[in-house]
PDB file of N, CA and C in Angstrom:
ATOM      1  N   MET A   1      21.273 -29.510 -27.110  1.00  0.00           N
ATOM      2  CA  MET A   1      20.333 -29.320 -26.042  1.00  0.00           C
ATOM      3  C   MET A   1      19.712 -27.916 -26.150  1.00  0.00           C
ATOM      4  N   PRO A   2      18.364 -27.779 -26.036  1.00  0.00           N
ATOM      5  CA  PRO A   2      17.761 -26.453 -26.158  1.00  0.00           C
ATOM      6  C   PRO A   2      18.117 -25.561 -24.963  1.00  0.00           C
ATOM      7  N   ARG A   3      18.291 -24.297 -25.265  1.00  0.00           N
ATOM      8  CA  ARG A   3      18.589 -23.347 -24.204  1.00  0.00           C
ATOM      9  C   ARG A   3      17.314 -23.002 -23.459  1.00  0.00           C
ATOM     10  N   ARG A   4      17.457 -22.752 -22.205  1.00  0.00           N
ATOM     11  CA  ARG A   4      16.328 -22.393 -21.365  1.00  0.00           C
ATOM     12  C   ARG A   4      16.035 -20.905 -21.510  1.00  0.00           C
ATOM     13  N   LYS A   5      14.777 -20.554 -21.617  1.00  0.00           N
ATOM     14  CA  LYS A   5      14.370 -19.155 -21.735  1.00  0.00           C
ATOM     15  C   LYS A   5      14.551 -18.453 -20.394  1.00  0.00           C
ATOM     16  N   GLU A   6      15.039 -17.235 -20.438  1.00  0.00           N
ATOM     17  CA  GLU A   6      15.195 -16.436 -19.225  1.00  0.00           C
ATOM     18  C   GLU A   6      13.826 -16.137 -18.620  1.00  0.00           C
ATOM     19  N   PRO A   7      13.659 -16.332 -17.318  1.00  0.00           N
ATOM     20  CA  PRO A   7      12.361 -16.055 -16.689  1.00  0.00           C
ATOM     21  C   PRO A   7      12.093 -14.549 -16.619  1.00  0.00           C
ATOM     22  N   ALA A   8      10.819 -14.189 -16.670  1.00  0.00           N
ATOM     23  CA  ALA A   8      10.436 -12.773 -16.586  1.00  0.00           C
ATOM     24  C   ALA A   8      10.700 -12.225 -15.185  1.00  0.00           C
ATOM     25  N   ILE A   9      10.581 -13.084 -14.181  1.00  0.00           N
ATOM     26  CA  ILE A   9      10.848 -12.706 -12.791  1.00  0.00           C
ATOM     27  C   ILE A   9      12.010 -13.569 -12.309  1.00  0.00           C
ATOM     28  N   PRO A  10      13.051 -12.951 -11.768  1.00  0.00           N
ATOM     29  CA  PRO A  10      14.221 -13.726 -11.337  1.00  0.00           C
ATOM     30  C   PRO A  10      13.859 -14.799 -10.309  1.00  0.00           C
ATOM     31  N   ALA A  11      14.544 -15.930 -10.376  1.00  0.00           N
ATOM     32  CA  ALA A  11      14.283 -17.057  -9.478  1.00  0.00           C
ATOM     33  C   ALA A  11      14.475 -16.673  -8.016  1.00  0.00           C
ATOM     34  N   ASP A  12      15.448 -15.817  -7.722  1.00  0.00           N
ATOM     35  CA  ASP A  12      15.683 -15.390  -6.337  1.00  0.00           C
ATOM     36  C   ASP A  12      14.471 -14.655  -5.769  1.00  0.00           C
ATOM     37  N   LEU A  13      13.872 -13.806  -6.588  1.00  0.00           N
ATOM     38  CA  LEU A  13      12.695 -13.071  -6.151  1.00  0.00           C
ATOM     39  C   LEU A  13      11.516 -14.021  -5.919  1.00  0.00           C
ATOM     40  N   LEU A  14      11.332 -14.968  -6.805  1.00  0.00           N
ATOM     41  CA  LEU A  14      10.268 -15.959  -6.626  1.00  0.00           C
ATOM     42  C   LEU A  14      10.482 -16.774  -5.357  1.00  0.00           C
ATOM     43  N   ASP A  15      11.729 -17.142  -5.073  1.00  0.00           N
ATOM     44  CA  ASP A  15      12.023 -17.876  -3.844  1.00  0.00           C
ATOM     45  C   ASP A  15      11.666 -17.048  -2.616  1.00  0.00           C
ATOM     46  N   GLN A  16      11.953 -15.751  -2.663  1.00  0.00           N
ATOM     47  CA  GLN A  16      11.594 -14.877  -1.542  1.00  0.00           C
ATOM     48  C   GLN A  16      10.086 -14.779  -1.384  1.00  0.00           C
ATOM     49  N   LEU A  17       9.367 -14.654  -2.497  1.00  0.00           N
ATOM     50  CA  LEU A  17       7.909 -14.545  -2.434  1.00  0.00           C
ATOM     51  C   LEU A  17       7.267 -15.825  -1.911  1.00  0.00           C
ATOM     52  N   LEU A  18       7.776 -16.956  -2.333  1.00  0.00           N
ATOM     53  CA  LEU A  18       7.215 -18.235  -1.884  1.00  0.00           C
ATOM     54  C   LEU A  18       7.597 -18.541  -0.436  1.00  0.00           C
ATOM     55  N   ALA A  19       8.715 -18.032   0.024  1.00  0.00           N
ATOM     56  CA  ALA A  19       9.173 -18.171   1.411  1.00  0.00           C
ATOM     57  C   ALA A  19       9.046 -19.596   1.933  1.00  0.00           C
ATOM     58  N   GLY A  20       9.563 -20.552   1.190  1.00  0.00           N
ATOM     59  CA  GLY A  20       9.585 -21.924   1.653  1.00  0.00           C
ATOM     60  C   GLY A  20       8.350 -22.757   1.355  1.00  0.00           C
ATOM     61  N   SER A  21       7.264 -22.144   0.912  1.00  0.00           N
ATOM     62  CA  SER A  21       6.077 -22.933   0.566  1.00  0.00           C
ATOM     63  C   SER A  21       6.190 -23.410  -0.877  1.00  0.00           C
ATOM     64  N   ASP A  22       5.383 -24.383  -1.231  1.00  0.00           N
ATOM     65  CA  ASP A  22       5.471 -24.912  -2.592  1.00  0.00           C
ATOM     66  C   ASP A  22       4.706 -24.024  -3.574  1.00  0.00           C
ATOM     67  N   ALA A  23       5.089 -24.112  -4.817  1.00  0.00           N
ATOM     68  CA  ALA A  23       4.511 -23.256  -5.852  1.00  0.00           C
ATOM     69  C   ALA A  23       3.024 -23.525  -6.055  1.00  0.00           C
ATOM     70  N   ALA A  24       2.571 -24.763  -5.859  1.00  0.00           N
ATOM     71  CA  ALA A  24       1.153 -25.090  -6.053  1.00  0.00           C
ATOM     72  C   ALA A  24       0.271 -24.335  -5.064  1.00  0.00           C
ATOM     73  N   SER A  25       0.750 -24.126  -3.843  1.00  0.00           N
ATOM     74  CA  SER A  25      -0.052 -23.411  -2.838  1.00  0.00           C
ATOM     75  C   SER A  25      -0.215 -21.936  -3.201  1.00  0.00           C
ATOM     76  N   ALA A  26       0.690 -21.401  -4.010  1.00  0.00           N
ATOM     77  CA  ALA A  26       0.603 -19.993  -4.422  1.00  0.00           C
ATOM     78  C   ALA A  26      -0.629 -19.736  -5.277  1.00  0.00           C
ATOM     79  N   LEU A  27      -1.111 -20.771  -5.956  1.00  0.00           N
ATOM     80  CA  LEU A  27      -2.258 -20.608  -6.849  1.00  0.00           C
ATOM     81  C   LEU A  27      -3.591 -20.843  -6.156  1.00  0.00           C
ATOM     82  N   GLN A  28      -3.580 -21.344  -4.934  1.00  0.00           N
ATOM     83  CA  GLN A  28      -4.820 -21.615  -4.213  1.00  0.00           C
ATOM     84  C   GLN A  28      -5.411 -20.327  -3.664  1.00  0.00           C
ATOM     85  N   GLN A  29      -6.713 -20.381  -3.326  1.00  0.00           N
ATOM     86  CA  GLN A  29      -7.379 -19.206  -2.774  1.00  0.00           C
ATOM     87  C   GLN A  29      -6.675 -18.778  -1.487  1.00  0.00           C
ATOM     88  N   GLY A  30      -6.396 -17.503  -1.370  1.00  0.00           N
ATOM     89  CA  GLY A  30      -5.694 -16.966  -0.221  1.00  0.00           C
ATOM     90  C   GLY A  30      -4.190 -17.134  -0.297  1.00  0.00           C
ATOM     91  N   GLY A  31      -3.683 -17.663  -1.394  1.00  0.00           N
ATOM     92  CA  GLY A  31      -2.250 -17.889  -1.557  1.00  0.00           C
ATOM     93  C   GLY A  31      -1.529 -16.656  -2.063  1.00  0.00           C
ATOM     94  N   LEU A  32      -0.324 -16.889  -2.510  1.00  0.00           N
ATOM     95  CA  LEU A  32       0.540 -15.806  -2.978  1.00  0.00           C
ATOM     96  C   LEU A  32      -0.087 -15.009  -4.115  1.00  0.00           C
ATOM     97  N   LEU A  33      -0.735 -15.681  -5.042  1.00  0.00           N
ATOM     98  CA  LEU A  33      -1.329 -14.982  -6.187  1.00  0.00           C
ATOM     99  C   LEU A  33      -2.387 -13.978  -5.723  1.00  0.00           C
ATOM    100  N   ASP A  34      -3.222 -14.364  -4.767  1.00  0.00           N
ATOM    101  CA  ASP A  34      -4.227 -13.438  -4.241  1.00  0.00           C
ATOM    102  C   ASP A  34      -3.570 -12.268  -3.506  1.00  0.00           C
ATOM    103  N   SER A  35      -2.500 -12.548  -2.773  1.00  0.00           N
ATOM    104  CA  SER A  35      -1.778 -11.479  -2.075  1.00  0.00           C
ATOM    105  C   SER A  35      -1.179 -10.488  -3.062  1.00  0.00           C
ATOM    106  N   LEU A  36      -0.635 -11.005  -4.169  1.00  0.00           N
ATOM    107  CA  LEU A  36      -0.076 -10.128  -5.191  1.00  0.00           C
ATOM    108  C   LEU A  36      -1.164  -9.292  -5.863  1.00  0.00           C
ATOM    109  N   LYS A  37      -2.308  -9.907  -6.151  1.00  0.00           N
ATOM    110  CA  LYS A  37      -3.425  -9.165  -6.746  1.00  0.00           C
ATOM    111  C   LYS A  37      -3.858  -8.034  -5.835  1.00  0.00           C
ATOM    112  N   LYS A  38      -3.975  -8.322  -4.540  1.00  0.00           N
ATOM    113  CA  LYS A  38      -4.384  -7.315  -3.554  1.00  0.00           C
ATOM    114  C   LYS A  38      -3.375  -6.172  -3.508  1.00  0.00           C
ATOM    115  N   ALA A  39      -2.095  -6.520  -3.415  1.00  0.00           N
ATOM    116  CA  ALA A  39      -1.049  -5.505  -3.320  1.00  0.00           C
ATOM    117  C   ALA A  39      -1.003  -4.628  -4.568  1.00  0.00           C
ATOM    118  N   LEU A  40      -1.112  -5.231  -5.748  1.00  0.00           N
ATOM    119  CA  LEU A  40      -1.074  -4.456  -6.991  1.00  0.00           C
ATOM    120  C   LEU A  40      -2.302  -3.562  -7.136  1.00  0.00           C
ATOM    121  N   ALA A  41      -3.476  -4.070  -6.786  1.00  0.00           N
ATOM    122  CA  ALA A  41      -4.699  -3.263  -6.875  1.00  0.00           C
ATOM    123  C   ALA A  41      -4.617  -2.067  -5.933  1.00  0.00           C
ATOM    124  N   GLU A  42      -4.179  -2.302  -4.702  1.00  0.00           N
ATOM    125  CA  GLU A  42      -4.090  -1.208  -3.732  1.00  0.00           C
ATOM    126  C   GLU A  42      -3.030  -0.188  -4.141  1.00  0.00           C
ATOM    127  N   ARG A  43      -1.934  -0.648  -4.706  1.00  0.00           N
ATOM    128  CA  ARG A  43      -0.903   0.294  -5.162  1.00  0.00           C
ATOM    129  C   ARG A  43      -1.431   1.152  -6.312  1.00  0.00           C
ATOM    130  N   ALA A  44      -2.159   0.522  -7.239  1.00  0.00           N
ATOM    131  CA  ALA A  44      -2.732   1.266  -8.366  1.00  0.00           C
ATOM    132  C   ALA A  44      -3.749   2.285  -7.885  1.00  0.00           C
ATOM    133  N   LEU A  45      -4.587   1.902  -6.925  1.00  0.00           N
ATOM    134  CA  LEU A  45      -5.591   2.829  -6.396  1.00  0.00           C
ATOM    135  C   LEU A  45      -4.939   3.995  -5.663  1.00  0.00           C
ATOM    136  N   ASN A  46      -3.867   3.730  -4.925  1.00  0.00           N
ATOM    137  CA  ASN A  46      -3.159   4.818  -4.247  1.00  0.00           C
ATOM    138  C   ASN A  46      -2.478   5.746  -5.246  1.00  0.00           C
ATOM    139  N   ALA A  47      -1.937   5.188  -6.313  1.00  0.00           N
ATOM    140  CA  ALA A  47      -1.322   6.023  -7.355  1.00  0.00           C
ATOM    141  C   ALA A  47      -2.376   6.883  -8.040  1.00  0.00           C
ATOM    142  N   GLU A  48      -3.547   6.314  -8.262  1.00  0.00           N
ATOM    143  CA  GLU A  48      -4.637   7.076  -8.866  1.00  0.00           C
ATOM    144  C   GLU A  48      -5.063   8.221  -7.951  1.00  0.00           C
ATOM    145  N   MET A  49      -5.126   7.968  -6.641  1.00  0.00           N
ATOM    146  CA  MET A  49      -5.482   9.026  -5.687  1.00  0.00           C
ATOM    147  C   MET A  49      -4.410  10.101  -5.666  1.00  0.00           C
ATOM    148  N   ASP A  50      -3.135   9.721  -5.711  1.00  0.00           N
ATOM    149  CA  ASP A  50      -2.053  10.706  -5.777  1.00  0.00           C
ATOM    150  C   ASP A  50      -2.225  11.608  -6.992  1.00  0.00           C
ATOM    151  N   TYR A  51      -2.508  11.006  -8.136  1.00  0.00           N
ATOM    152  CA  TYR A  51      -2.710  11.764  -9.372  1.00  0.00           C
ATOM    153  C   TYR A  51      -3.913  12.690  -9.229  1.00  0.00           C
ATOM    154  N   HIS A  52      -5.004  12.179  -8.677  1.00  0.00           N
ATOM    155  CA  HIS A  52      -6.235  12.955  -8.498  1.00  0.00           C
ATOM    156  C   HIS A  52      -5.998  14.150  -7.581  1.00  0.00           C
ATOM    157  N   LEU A  53      -5.309  13.927  -6.464  1.00  0.00           N
ATOM    158  CA  LEU A  53      -5.069  15.016  -5.516  1.00  0.00           C
ATOM    159  C   LEU A  53      -4.019  16.000  -6.016  1.00  0.00           C
ATOM    160  N   GLY A  54      -3.215  15.600  -6.980  1.00  0.00           N
ATOM    161  CA  GLY A  54      -2.209  16.493  -7.558  1.00  0.00           C
ATOM    162  C   GLY A  54      -2.787  17.457  -8.578  1.00  0.00           C
ATOM    163  N   ASP A  55      -4.033  17.246  -8.981  1.00  0.00           N
ATOM    164  CA  ASP A  55      -4.703  18.102  -9.953  1.00  0.00           C
ATOM    165  C   ASP A  55      -4.948  19.480  -9.329  1.00  0.00           C
ATOM    166  N   ALA A  56      -4.722  20.540 -10.087  1.00  0.00           N
ATOM    167  CA  ALA A  56      -4.869  21.912  -9.584  1.00  0.00           C
ATOM    168  C   ALA A  56      -6.287  22.199  -9.107  1.00  0.00           C
ATOM    169  N   SER A  57      -7.284  21.542  -9.650  1.00  0.00           N
ATOM    170  CA  SER A  57      -8.669  21.793  -9.242  1.00  0.00           C
ATOM    171  C   SER A  57      -9.006  21.153  -7.894  1.00  0.00           C
ATOM    172  N   GLN A  58      -8.083  20.391  -7.326  1.00  0.00           N
ATOM    173  CA  GLN A  58      -8.337  19.685  -6.060  1.00  0.00           C
ATOM    174  C   GLN A  58      -7.718  20.392  -4.855  1.00  0.00           C
ATOM    175  N   VAL A  59      -7.485  21.712  -4.948  1.00  0.00           N
ATOM    176  CA  VAL A  59      -6.911  22.467  -3.839  1.00  0.00           C
ATOM    177  C   VAL A  59      -7.846  22.362  -2.637  1.00  0.00           C
ATOM    178  N   GLY A  60      -7.293  22.043  -1.489  1.00  0.00           N
ATOM    179  CA  GLY A  60      -8.084  21.892  -0.272  1.00  0.00           C
ATOM    180  C   GLY A  60      -8.606  20.478  -0.067  1.00  0.00           C
ATOM    181  N   ASN A  61      -8.490  19.630  -1.051  1.00  0.00           N
ATOM    182  CA  ASN A  61      -8.910  18.243  -0.926  1.00  0.00           C
ATOM    183  C   ASN A  61      -7.732  17.431  -0.390  1.00  0.00           C
ATOM    184  N   SER A  62      -8.006  16.410   0.399  1.00  0.00           N
ATOM    185  CA  SER A  62      -6.927  15.580   0.933  1.00  0.00           C
ATOM    186  C   SER A  62      -7.435  14.164   1.173  1.00  0.00           C
ATOM    187  N   ARG A  63      -6.501  13.284   1.498  1.00  0.00           N
ATOM    188  CA  ARG A  63      -6.870  11.901   1.788  1.00  0.00           C
ATOM    189  C   ARG A  63      -7.731  11.846   3.045  1.00  0.00           C
ATOM    190  N   ASN A  64      -8.607  10.853   3.111  1.00  0.00           N
ATOM    191  CA  ASN A  64      -9.495  10.712   4.251  1.00  0.00           C
ATOM    192  C   ASN A  64      -9.696   9.231   4.569  1.00  0.00           C
ATOM    193  N   GLY A  65      -8.599   8.531   4.790  1.00  0.00           N
ATOM    194  CA  GLY A  65      -8.681   7.130   5.196  1.00  0.00           C
ATOM    195  C   GLY A  65      -8.940   6.179   4.047  1.00  0.00           C
ATOM    196  N   TYR A  66      -9.463   5.012   4.415  1.00  0.00           N
ATOM    197  CA  TYR A  66      -9.694   3.929   3.459  1.00  0.00           C
ATOM    198  C   TYR A  66     -11.052   3.304   3.711  1.00  0.00           C
ATOM    199  N   GLY A  67     -11.624   2.769   2.661  1.00  0.00           N
ATOM    200  CA  GLY A  67     -12.828   1.958   2.752  1.00  0.00           C
ATOM    201  C   GLY A  67     -12.482   0.550   2.302  1.00  0.00           C
ATOM    202  N   ARG A  68     -13.287  -0.410   2.687  1.00  0.00           N
ATOM    203  CA  ARG A  68     -13.040  -1.803   2.288  1.00  0.00           C
ATOM    204  C   ARG A  68     -13.989  -2.192   1.168  1.00  0.00           C
ATOM    205  N   LYS A  69     -13.468  -2.919   0.215  1.00  0.00           N
ATOM    206  CA  LYS A  69     -14.260  -3.449  -0.891  1.00  0.00           C
ATOM    207  C   LYS A  69     -13.879  -4.913  -1.083  1.00  0.00           C
ATOM    208  N   THR A  70     -14.856  -5.704  -1.478  1.00  0.00           N
ATOM    209  CA  THR A  70     -14.602  -7.096  -1.837  1.00  0.00           C
ATOM    210  C   THR A  70     -14.606  -7.195  -3.345  1.00  0.00           C
ATOM    211  N   VAL A  71     -13.542  -7.749  -3.885  1.00  0.00           N
ATOM    212  CA  VAL A  71     -13.386  -7.882  -5.325  1.00  0.00           C
ATOM    213  C   VAL A  71     -13.402  -9.372  -5.662  1.00  0.00           C
ATOM    214  N   VAL A  72     -14.186  -9.734  -6.666  1.00  0.00           N
ATOM    215  CA  VAL A  72     -14.250 -11.125  -7.101  1.00  0.00           C
ATOM    216  C   VAL A  72     -13.225 -11.329  -8.215  1.00  0.00           C
ATOM    217  N   THR A  73     -12.328 -12.298  -8.008  1.00  0.00           N
ATOM    218  CA  THR A  73     -11.306 -12.623  -9.000  1.00  0.00           C
ATOM    219  C   THR A  73     -11.517 -14.053  -9.493  1.00  0.00           C
ATOM    220  N   GLU A  74     -10.669 -14.496 -10.393  1.00  0.00           N
ATOM    221  CA  GLU A  74     -10.771 -15.856 -10.916  1.00  0.00           C
ATOM    222  C   GLU A  74     -10.551 -16.897  -9.829  1.00  0.00           C
ATOM    223  N   THR A  75      -9.766 -16.532  -8.807  1.00  0.00           N
ATOM    224  CA  THR A  75      -9.447 -17.485  -7.742  1.00  0.00           C
ATOM    225  C   THR A  75     -10.317 -17.306  -6.503  1.00  0.00           C
ATOM    226  N   GLY A  76     -11.236 -16.372  -6.529  1.00  0.00           N
ATOM    227  CA  GLY A  76     -12.113 -16.145  -5.377  1.00  0.00           C
ATOM    228  C   GLY A  76     -12.174 -14.673  -5.018  1.00  0.00           C
ATOM    229  N   LYS A  77     -12.697 -14.413  -3.843  1.00  0.00           N
ATOM    230  CA  LYS A  77     -12.872 -13.035  -3.378  1.00  0.00           C
ATOM    231  C   LYS A  77     -11.651 -12.577  -2.598  1.00  0.00           C
ATOM    232  N   ILE A  78     -11.285 -11.291  -2.808  1.00  0.00           N
ATOM    233  CA  ILE A  78     -10.238 -10.665  -2.008  1.00  0.00           C
ATOM    234  C   ILE A  78     -10.763  -9.341  -1.499  1.00  0.00           C
ATOM    235  N   GLU A  79     -10.346  -8.974  -0.295  1.00  0.00           N
ATOM    236  CA  GLU A  79     -10.725  -7.693   0.293  1.00  0.00           C
ATOM    237  C   GLU A  79      -9.600  -6.704   0.047  1.00  0.00           C
ATOM    238  N   ILE A  80      -9.943  -5.551  -0.508  1.00  0.00           N
ATOM    239  CA  ILE A  80      -8.940  -4.514  -0.729  1.00  0.00           C
ATOM    240  C   ILE A  80      -9.343  -3.260   0.033  1.00  0.00           C
ATOM    241  N   GLU A  81      -8.366  -2.438   0.339  1.00  0.00           N
ATOM    242  CA  GLU A  81      -8.611  -1.152   0.985  1.00  0.00           C
ATOM    243  C   GLU A  81      -8.506  -0.069  -0.075  1.00  0.00           C
ATOM    244  N   VAL A  82      -9.595   0.675  -0.235  1.00  0.00           N
ATOM    245  CA  VAL A  82      -9.695   1.708  -1.271  1.00  0.00           C
ATOM    246  C   VAL A  82      -9.526   3.076  -0.612  1.00  0.00           C
ATOM    247  N   PRO A  83      -8.566   3.891  -1.081  1.00  0.00           N
ATOM    248  CA  PRO A  83      -8.369   5.214  -0.474  1.00  0.00           C
ATOM    249  C   PRO A  83      -9.553   6.141  -0.768  1.00  0.00           C
ATOM    250  N   ARG A  84      -9.850   7.001   0.218  1.00  0.00           N
ATOM    251  CA  ARG A  84     -10.919   7.996   0.063  1.00  0.00           C
ATOM    252  C   ARG A  84     -10.307   9.392   0.154  1.00  0.00           C
ATOM    253  N   ASP A  85     -11.025  10.337  -0.439  1.00  0.00           N
ATOM    254  CA  ASP A  85     -10.636  11.736  -0.261  1.00  0.00           C
ATOM    255  C   ASP A  85     -11.791  12.473   0.399  1.00  0.00           C
ATOM    256  N   ARG A  86     -11.540  13.698   0.831  1.00  0.00           N
ATOM    257  CA  ARG A  86     -12.550  14.459   1.560  1.00  0.00           C
ATOM    258  C   ARG A  86     -13.707  14.904   0.666  1.00  0.00           C
ATOM    259  N   ARG A  87     -13.421  15.129  -0.590  1.00  0.00           N
ATOM    260  CA  ARG A  87     -14.484  15.553  -1.492  1.00  0.00           C
ATOM    261  C   ARG A  87     -14.970  14.378  -2.273  1.00  0.00           C
TER     262      ARG A  87
END
């Protein structure tokens, strides 16, 4: 019998992410996949802002809230919050 390949993401974590809904709904517009895309994009943008504000030439610059952007993905549009700085 062939051995099963180890999943890249543990099954327990996937069960938590799906929270009782079926896997097919995760791929629909507004489903889990879109939520993950939004969360990853916003985390990357915040990390980029942290890096930008950590630069020595940015003394006196600081965060200044968020703006909204609509991003078109393969599964449809998602709204993300983009961090702003004062300069």
